[in-house]
């Protein structure tokens, strides 16, 4: 701010949000792959932190989550083949199972819904 000739308060500037903006183009599968390549470590970390750590304490629970996500994948494909193809591309590029891509998407929707419900 001083470089612009504006007064400063001496306080630390606000921290940058940990979100990245990315524009992707191409077919649904190509878009998913580009996103999966760009964010593979974060996608895998999210699965561990937000899905497996709280909800899959053992292998049986993890398999049940994956089975459920696989059933959701069938519904998504029936509703929107484009979304299903994009999620498949994401999973391929991120090195995760297709059902894990579904889990990640659902968890993200739940988190957004929770934020809206508690702040709006």
C-alpha atoms as a PDB file:
ATOM      1  CA  UNK A   1       0.000   0.000   0.000  1.00  0.00           C
ATOM      2  CA  UNK A   2       2.865   2.355   0.761  1.00  0.00           C
ATOM      3  CA  UNK A   3       4.149   1.884  -2.781  1.00  0.00           C
ATOM      4  CA  UNK A   4       0.838   3.274  -3.983  1.00  0.00           C
ATOM      5  CA  UNK A   5       1.080   6.229  -1.605  1.00  0.00           C
ATOM      6  CA  UNK A   6      -1.764   4.915   0.540  1.00  0.00           C
ATOM      7  CA  UNK A   7      -1.645   4.818   4.326  1.00  0.00           C
ATOM      8  CA  UNK A   8      -1.176   1.432   5.956  1.00  0.00           C
ATOM      9  CA  UNK A   9      -2.653   0.209   9.198  1.00  0.00           C
ATOM     10  CA  UNK A  10       0.379  -1.871  10.090  1.00  0.00           C
ATOM     11  CA  UNK A  11      -1.778  -4.983  10.147  1.00  0.00           C
ATOM     12  CA  UNK A  12      -0.897  -8.022   8.127  1.00  0.00           C
ATOM     13  CA  UNK A  13      -2.622  -8.134   4.755  1.00  0.00           C
ATOM     14  CA  UNK A  14      -5.385 -10.713   4.469  1.00  0.00           C
ATOM     15  CA  UNK A  15      -4.144 -14.139   3.570  1.00  0.00           C
ATOM     16  CA  UNK A  16      -4.852 -15.340   0.070  1.00  0.00           C
ATOM     17  CA  UNK A  17      -7.627 -17.925  -0.121  1.00  0.00           C
ATOM     18  CA  UNK A  18      -6.294 -21.405  -0.866  1.00  0.00           C
ATOM     19  CA  UNK A  19      -8.388 -21.715  -4.022  1.00  0.00           C
ATOM     20  CA  UNK A  20      -7.212 -21.721  -7.583  1.00  0.00           C
ATOM     21  CA  UNK A  21      -9.160 -20.586 -10.608  1.00  0.00           C
ATOM     22  CA  UNK A  22      -8.687 -22.702 -13.678  1.00  0.00           C
ATOM     23  CA  UNK A  23     -10.331 -22.537 -17.080  1.00  0.00           C
ATOM     24  CA  UNK A  24     -10.450 -25.853 -18.908  1.00  0.00           C
ATOM     25  CA  UNK A  25     -11.671 -26.649 -22.389  1.00  0.00           C
ATOM     26  CA  UNK A  26     -12.233 -29.744 -24.435  1.00  0.00           C
ATOM     27  CA  UNK A  27     -14.493 -32.748 -24.239  1.00  0.00           C
ATOM     28  CA  UNK A  28     -15.875 -33.705 -20.829  1.00  0.00           C
ATOM     29  CA  UNK A  29     -13.197 -36.395 -20.437  1.00  0.00           C
ATOM     30  CA  UNK A  30     -10.435 -33.967 -21.448  1.00  0.00           C
ATOM     31  CA  UNK A  31     -11.706 -31.367 -18.973  1.00  0.00           C
ATOM     32  CA  UNK A  32     -11.732 -33.960 -16.207  1.00  0.00           C
ATOM     33  CA  UNK A  33      -8.203 -35.055 -17.059  1.00  0.00           C
ATOM     34  CA  UNK A  34      -6.901 -31.489 -17.038  1.00  0.00           C
ATOM     35  CA  UNK A  35      -8.485 -30.841 -13.653  1.00  0.00           C
ATOM     36  CA  UNK A  36      -7.259 -34.185 -12.294  1.00  0.00           C
ATOM     37  CA  UNK A  37      -3.710 -33.516 -13.487  1.00  0.00           C
ATOM     38  CA  UNK A  38      -3.652 -30.022 -12.019  1.00  0.00           C
ATOM     39  CA  UNK A  39      -5.049 -30.988  -8.631  1.00  0.00           C
ATOM     40  CA  UNK A  40      -4.119 -34.672  -8.185  1.00  0.00           C
ATOM     41  CA  UNK A  41      -2.346 -34.298  -4.812  1.00  0.00           C
ATOM     42  CA  UNK A  42      -5.128 -32.111  -3.409  1.00  0.00           C
ATOM     43  CA  UNK A  43      -7.791 -34.536  -4.664  1.00  0.00           C
ATOM     44  CA  UNK A  44      -6.080 -37.507  -3.023  1.00  0.00           C
ATOM     45  CA  UNK A  45      -5.492 -35.557   0.200  1.00  0.00           C
ATOM     46  CA  UNK A  46      -9.149 -34.517   0.254  1.00  0.00           C
ATOM     47  CA  UNK A  47     -10.283 -38.132  -0.064  1.00  0.00           C
ATOM     48  CA  UNK A  48      -8.152 -39.194   2.871  1.00  0.00           C
ATOM     49  CA  UNK A  49      -9.005 -36.208   5.082  1.00  0.00           C
ATOM     50  CA  UNK A  50     -12.708 -35.753   4.290  1.00  0.00           C
ATOM     51  CA  UNK A  51     -13.868 -39.257   3.377  1.00  0.00           C
ATOM     52  CA  UNK A  52     -11.651 -42.064   4.599  1.00  0.00           C
ATOM     53  CA  UNK A  53     -10.394 -40.675   7.915  1.00  0.00           C
ATOM     54  CA  UNK A  54     -13.837 -39.793   9.285  1.00  0.00           C
ATOM     55  CA  UNK A  55     -15.991 -42.441   7.587  1.00  0.00           C
ATOM     56  CA  UNK A  56     -13.849 -45.477   6.739  1.00  0.00           C
ATOM     57  CA  UNK A  57     -12.103 -46.694   9.850  1.00  0.00           C
ATOM     58  CA  UNK A  58     -11.375 -50.075   8.279  1.00  0.00           C
ATOM     59  CA  UNK A  59     -11.221 -51.767   4.886  1.00  0.00           C
ATOM     60  CA  UNK A  60     -14.819 -53.019   5.076  1.00  0.00           C
ATOM     61  CA  UNK A  61     -16.142 -49.478   5.592  1.00  0.00           C
ATOM     62  CA  UNK A  62     -13.957 -48.199   2.753  1.00  0.00           C
ATOM     63  CA  UNK A  63     -15.290 -50.901   0.437  1.00  0.00           C
ATOM     64  CA  UNK A  64     -18.857 -50.024   1.436  1.00  0.00           C
ATOM     65  CA  UNK A  65     -18.247 -46.356   0.625  1.00  0.00           C
ATOM     66  CA  UNK A  66     -16.818 -47.319  -2.755  1.00  0.00           C
ATOM     67  CA  UNK A  67     -19.753 -49.645  -3.450  1.00  0.00           C
ATOM     68  CA  UNK A  68     -22.199 -46.859  -2.642  1.00  0.00           C
ATOM     69  CA  UNK A  69     -20.266 -44.395  -4.816  1.00  0.00           C
ATOM     70  CA  UNK A  70     -20.296 -46.939  -7.634  1.00  0.00           C
ATOM     71  CA  UNK A  71     -24.088 -47.089  -7.420  1.00  0.00           C
ATOM     72  CA  UNK A  72     -24.189 -43.285  -7.481  1.00  0.00           C
ATOM     73  CA  UNK A  73     -21.972 -43.352 -10.572  1.00  0.00           C
ATOM     74  CA  UNK A  74     -24.633 -45.375 -12.417  1.00  0.00           C
ATOM     75  CA  UNK A  75     -27.258 -42.764 -11.577  1.00  0.00           C
ATOM     76  CA  UNK A  76     -24.968 -39.914 -12.604  1.00  0.00           C
ATOM     77  CA  UNK A  77     -24.216 -41.623 -15.935  1.00  0.00           C
ATOM     78  CA  UNK A  78     -27.928 -42.121 -16.577  1.00  0.00           C
ATOM     79  CA  UNK A  79     -28.690 -38.498 -15.735  1.00  0.00           C
ATOM     80  CA  UNK A  80     -25.693 -36.892 -17.450  1.00  0.00           C
ATOM     81  CA  UNK A  81     -23.178 -38.927 -19.441  1.00  0.00           C
ATOM     82  CA  UNK A  82     -21.103 -35.749 -19.789  1.00  0.00           C
ATOM     83  CA  UNK A  83     -20.680 -35.372 -16.032  1.00  0.00           C
ATOM     84  CA  UNK A  84     -19.870 -39.076 -15.703  1.00  0.00           C
ATOM     85  CA  UNK A  85     -17.238 -38.771 -18.429  1.00  0.00           C
ATOM     86  CA  UNK A  86     -15.688 -35.705 -16.795  1.00  0.00           C
ATOM     87  CA  UNK A  87     -15.498 -37.508 -13.440  1.00  0.00           C
ATOM     88  CA  UNK A  88     -13.905 -40.515 -15.154  1.00  0.00           C
ATOM     89  CA  UNK A  89     -11.260 -38.252 -16.698  1.00  0.00           C
ATOM     90  CA  UNK A  90     -10.585 -36.660 -13.321  1.00  0.00           C
ATOM     91  CA  UNK A  91     -10.143 -40.073 -11.702  1.00  0.00           C
ATOM     92  CA  UNK A  92      -7.800 -41.289 -14.446  1.00  0.00           C
ATOM     93  CA  UNK A  93      -5.558 -38.242 -14.212  1.00  0.00           C
ATOM     94  CA  UNK A  94      -5.588 -38.042 -10.407  1.00  0.00           C
ATOM     95  CA  UNK A  95      -4.754 -41.723 -10.008  1.00  0.00           C
ATOM     96  CA  UNK A  96      -7.894 -42.584  -8.082  1.00  0.00           C
ATOM     97  CA  UNK A  97     -10.713 -45.050  -8.643  1.00  0.00           C
ATOM     98  CA  UNK A  98     -13.717 -43.710 -10.566  1.00  0.00           C
ATOM     99  CA  UNK A  99     -15.911 -44.267  -7.490  1.00  0.00           C
ATOM    100  CA  UNK A 100     -13.518 -42.113  -5.459  1.00  0.00           C
ATOM    101  CA  UNK A 101     -14.146 -39.278  -7.899  1.00  0.00           C
ATOM    102  CA  UNK A 102     -17.835 -39.595  -7.083  1.00  0.00           C
ATOM    103  CA  UNK A 103     -17.093 -39.530  -3.331  1.00  0.00           C
ATOM    104  CA  UNK A 104     -15.012 -36.402  -3.759  1.00  0.00           C
ATOM    105  CA  UNK A 105     -17.772 -34.660  -5.666  1.00  0.00           C
ATOM    106  CA  UNK A 106     -20.464 -35.595  -3.179  1.00  0.00           C
ATOM    107  CA  UNK A 107     -18.338 -34.498  -0.222  1.00  0.00           C
ATOM    108  CA  UNK A 108     -17.724 -31.164  -1.891  1.00  0.00           C
ATOM    109  CA  UNK A 109     -21.445 -30.637  -2.393  1.00  0.00           C
ATOM    110  CA  UNK A 110     -22.125 -31.532   1.263  1.00  0.00           C
ATOM    111  CA  UNK A 111     -19.453 -29.064   2.409  1.00  0.00           C
ATOM    112  CA  UNK A 112     -20.879 -26.250   0.279  1.00  0.00           C
ATOM    113  CA  UNK A 113     -24.399 -27.014   1.529  1.00  0.00           C
ATOM    114  CA  UNK A 114     -23.139 -26.944   5.130  1.00  0.00           C
ATOM    115  CA  UNK A 115     -21.407 -23.602   4.610  1.00  0.00           C
ATOM    116  CA  UNK A 116     -24.558 -22.106   3.079  1.00  0.00           C
ATOM    117  CA  UNK A 117     -26.765 -23.424   5.868  1.00  0.00           C
ATOM    118  CA  UNK A 118     -24.534 -22.062   8.616  1.00  0.00           C
ATOM    119  CA  UNK A 119     -23.688 -18.682   7.078  1.00  0.00           C
ATOM    120  CA  UNK A 120     -26.707 -17.595   5.040  1.00  0.00           C
END
